[in-house]
Protein backbone atom coordinates (compact mmCIF):
# COMPACT_ATOMS: atom_id res chain seq x y z
CA MET A 1 142.15 111.90 13.00
CA LEU A 2 144.66 114.62 10.69
CA HIS A 3 144.39 118.04 11.97
CA ARG A 4 145.12 121.13 9.78
CA LEU A 5 147.67 124.28 11.16
CA TYR A 6 146.47 127.24 9.11
CA TYR A 7 148.84 129.88 8.50
CA PHE A 8 147.46 133.10 7.87
CA HIS A 9 149.65 135.40 5.34
CA ASP A 10 150.16 138.01 2.89
CA PRO A 11 153.28 137.60 0.58
CA MET A 12 153.90 141.57 1.11
CA CYS A 13 153.37 141.56 5.11
CA SER A 14 156.94 142.48 6.19
CA TRP A 15 156.14 140.37 9.78
CA CYS A 16 155.09 137.56 7.43
CA TRP A 17 159.29 138.04 6.37
CA ALA A 18 160.57 137.56 9.57
CA PHE A 19 158.03 134.78 10.43
CA ARG A 20 159.45 132.85 7.44
CA PRO A 21 162.40 130.98 9.60
CA LEU A 22 159.86 130.29 12.33
CA TRP A 23 157.04 128.94 9.87
CA LYS A 24 159.94 126.54 8.14
CA GLY A 25 160.76 125.16 11.39
CA ILE A 26 157.15 124.59 12.24
CA ILE A 27 156.17 122.54 9.06
CA ALA A 28 159.52 120.74 9.54
CA GLY A 29 158.92 119.77 13.34
CA LEU A 30 155.03 118.87 12.78
CA PRO A 31 153.45 115.84 14.50
CA ASP A 32 152.25 113.03 12.16
CA ASN A 33 148.81 113.88 12.88
CA VAL A 34 148.91 117.63 11.61
CA SER A 35 148.99 118.95 8.21
CA GLY A 36 150.19 123.05 7.61
CA GLN A 37 147.92 124.95 5.38
CA ARG A 38 148.63 128.38 3.97
CA VAL A 39 146.07 130.76 3.87
CA LEU A 40 146.15 134.22 1.72
CA GLY A 41 144.68 136.88 3.96
CA GLY A 42 144.81 139.68 1.83
CA LEU A 43 146.19 143.02 3.26
CA ALA A 44 145.33 145.61 0.73
CA PRO A 45 142.90 145.55 -1.78
CA ASP A 46 143.87 146.87 -5.47
CA THR A 47 144.85 150.42 -5.94
CA ASP A 48 146.34 152.52 -8.62
CA GLN A 49 146.63 155.62 -5.93
CA ALA A 50 150.46 156.14 -4.65
CA MET A 51 150.92 155.18 -1.25
CA PRO A 52 150.65 158.34 0.99
CA ALA A 53 153.92 159.68 2.79
CA ASP A 54 152.72 158.93 6.12
CA MET A 55 151.74 155.49 5.44
CA GLN A 56 155.28 154.92 3.88
CA ALA A 57 157.11 156.34 6.99
CA LYS A 58 154.97 154.06 9.12
CA LEU A 59 156.02 150.61 6.67
CA ARG A 60 159.61 152.06 7.53
CA SER A 61 159.23 152.16 11.04
CA ILE A 62 157.60 148.63 11.23
CA TRP A 63 160.94 147.37 9.10
CA GLN A 64 162.89 149.21 11.70
CA ASN A 65 160.73 147.84 14.68
CA ILE A 66 161.20 143.79 13.09
CA GLN A 67 164.93 144.41 12.34
CA GLN A 68 165.06 145.21 16.39
CA THR A 69 162.57 142.63 17.37
CA VAL A 70 163.65 139.81 15.45
CA PRO A 71 167.43 140.13 14.82
CA GLY A 72 168.64 139.32 11.47
CA THR A 73 165.41 139.87 9.32
CA PRO A 74 167.23 141.50 6.67
CA PHE A 75 165.05 144.64 4.69
CA ASN A 76 166.70 146.78 2.18
CA PHE A 77 165.56 150.42 2.36
CA GLU A 78 166.33 151.50 -0.99
CA PHE A 79 162.98 150.58 -1.84
CA TRP A 80 161.47 153.56 -0.57
CA GLU A 81 163.47 155.53 -2.51
CA LYS A 82 163.48 153.31 -5.67
CA CYS A 83 159.86 152.62 -6.13
CA ALA A 84 156.71 153.98 -6.45
CA PRO A 85 154.84 152.36 -3.39
CA ARG A 86 151.34 151.82 -3.51
CA ARG A 87 148.88 149.79 -0.32
CA SER A 88 148.33 147.11 -2.76
CA THR A 89 148.68 143.29 -1.78
CA TYR A 90 146.24 141.38 -3.83
CA GLY A 91 148.00 141.03 -6.59
CA ALA A 92 151.11 139.70 -5.09
CA CYS A 93 148.56 137.23 -3.36
CA ARG A 94 146.69 136.23 -7.02
CA ALA A 95 150.64 135.58 -8.10
CA VAL A 96 150.68 133.29 -5.21
CA ILE A 97 147.31 131.11 -6.51
CA ALA A 98 148.24 131.47 -10.09
CA ALA A 99 152.09 129.93 -9.28
CA ARG A 100 149.95 127.05 -7.48
CA ARG A 101 147.62 126.54 -10.48
CA GLN A 102 150.70 125.24 -12.29
CA ASP A 103 152.18 123.34 -9.51
CA PRO A 104 151.56 123.02 -5.58
CA GLN A 105 155.78 123.07 -5.49
CA TYR A 106 155.46 126.97 -6.81
CA GLU A 107 153.24 128.41 -4.29
CA GLU A 108 156.59 128.26 -1.91
CA ILE A 109 158.65 129.10 -4.18
CA MET A 110 156.61 132.30 -5.30
CA ILE A 111 155.77 133.47 -2.17
CA LEU A 112 159.89 133.40 -1.79
CA ALA A 113 160.15 135.35 -4.43
CA ILE A 114 158.28 138.13 -3.94
CA GLN A 115 159.58 138.53 -0.34
CA GLN A 116 163.03 138.58 -1.89
CA ALA A 117 162.04 141.12 -4.37
CA TYR A 118 160.52 143.46 -1.89
CA TYR A 119 162.79 143.20 0.69
CA LEU A 120 166.22 142.87 -0.20
CA GLU A 121 165.98 144.07 -3.98
CA ALA A 122 164.30 147.10 -4.04
CA ARG A 123 161.34 145.92 -6.75
CA ASN A 124 157.86 146.24 -6.34
CA PRO A 125 155.62 143.55 -6.08
CA ALA A 126 152.52 146.16 -6.24
CA ASP A 127 153.31 146.20 -9.73
CA MET A 128 152.24 143.74 -12.53
CA SER A 129 155.48 144.36 -14.37
CA THR A 130 157.61 142.65 -11.28
CA LEU A 131 155.09 139.66 -10.97
CA LEU A 132 155.75 138.83 -14.36
CA GLU A 133 159.29 138.75 -14.24
CA LEU A 134 158.98 137.14 -11.29
CA ALA A 135 157.36 134.15 -12.76
CA LYS A 136 159.67 134.03 -15.69
CA GLU A 137 162.56 133.99 -12.82
CA ILE A 138 161.27 131.27 -11.12
CA GLY A 139 160.38 129.01 -14.19
CA LEU A 140 156.79 129.30 -14.61
CA ASP A 141 155.05 129.22 -17.81
CA SER A 142 154.77 133.18 -18.35
CA ALA A 143 151.69 133.05 -20.90
CA ARG A 144 149.74 130.74 -18.81
CA PHE A 145 150.63 133.12 -15.46
CA SER A 146 149.94 136.30 -17.43
CA ALA A 147 146.61 134.74 -18.28
CA ASP A 148 145.50 133.83 -14.97
CA MET A 149 146.60 136.58 -13.61
CA GLU A 150 143.63 138.54 -15.13
CA SER A 151 141.56 135.45 -14.75
CA PRO A 152 138.31 135.70 -12.85
CA ALA A 153 138.74 132.23 -11.46
CA VAL A 154 142.16 133.23 -9.79
CA HIS A 155 140.82 136.54 -8.20
CA GLU A 156 137.79 134.19 -7.03
CA ALA A 157 140.20 132.11 -5.10
CA LEU A 158 141.45 134.62 -3.61
CA LEU A 159 138.38 136.06 -2.50
CA LYS A 160 137.55 132.47 -1.24
CA GLU A 161 140.60 132.65 1.07
CA ILE A 162 140.14 135.86 2.22
CA GLY A 163 136.56 135.30 3.16
CA PHE A 164 137.99 132.20 5.36
CA THR A 165 140.31 134.38 6.82
CA ARG A 166 137.49 136.95 7.86
CA LYS A 167 135.10 134.16 8.89
CA LEU A 168 137.81 132.94 11.69
CA ASP A 169 138.15 136.75 12.78
CA VAL A 170 141.47 136.68 11.81
CA LYS A 171 142.70 140.20 12.61
CA GLY A 172 146.64 140.22 11.37
CA PHE A 173 149.63 138.24 9.83
CA PRO A 174 150.94 136.02 10.69
CA THR A 175 148.04 134.12 12.25
CA LEU A 176 148.56 130.33 13.67
CA LEU A 177 144.93 128.26 13.74
CA LEU A 178 144.67 124.78 14.71
CA GLU A 179 141.99 122.78 13.67
CA LYS A 180 140.60 120.30 15.54
CA GLU A 181 137.47 118.30 14.72
CA GLY A 182 135.94 121.60 13.55
CA VAL A 183 137.19 123.92 16.25
CA TYR A 184 139.74 126.45 15.67
CA THR A 185 142.48 127.38 18.54
CA ALA A 186 144.90 130.19 18.12
CA ILE A 187 148.33 129.25 18.41
CA GLN A 188 150.74 131.90 19.88
CA HIS A 189 154.07 132.35 18.73
CA LYS A 190 157.31 134.13 19.75
CA TYR A 191 159.70 134.79 16.77
CA GLY A 192 162.69 132.60 17.06
CA ASP A 193 161.27 129.98 19.22
CA VAL A 194 159.97 127.12 17.37
CA MET A 195 159.88 124.40 20.03
CA ALA A 196 156.93 126.65 21.91
CA VAL A 197 155.16 127.07 18.94
CA LEU A 198 155.23 122.91 18.48
CA HIS A 199 154.83 122.09 22.17
CA GLN A 200 151.74 123.84 21.83
CA ILE A 201 150.50 122.08 18.74
CA LYS A 202 151.55 118.35 19.86
CA HIS A 203 149.44 119.44 23.08
CA LEU A 204 146.33 120.67 21.47
CA SER A 205 146.55 117.84 18.93
CA GLN A 206 146.47 114.55 20.92
């Protein structure tokens, strides 16, 4: 019987950026009876309001904490001077879905493009203009992507994934849950220790 490992994330979640190498290792080492699937949890709804100064300071502090906790995780702190931050990630989530609709392989490509733009290039994925640029850069059909970003179907698809996240009481990202015969079990992780994660998965999936 095939079991499923769900990875709940947001493309603008900084801890998910740090988790990226671990996720790649997990996917590469999954047993044959387990498949991996991403779920967009949606950190922050749409807003045009500027991010308050205290929230900006908090997120900068989180980036610094991640660099200490997960050495080698790169961040470009120029983002906070060059961009006009907003606490809004649903647009980036919809961009992942819009990319996936063109071809499933573009899901991972768009996630990485968003993360690199945000954390390395000091570009703001909360801005539609940035997402349109990324779609073009990774080779998507720009007109179709733009239309999908405004489409009720794409937003409904996001709300469905957010609803699934909340139904399973997922409170933060990244979160891993292994589904086996309708039962969901949390998989603990330590950054940099892929073997410990795979050991849990193999044990629970037997």
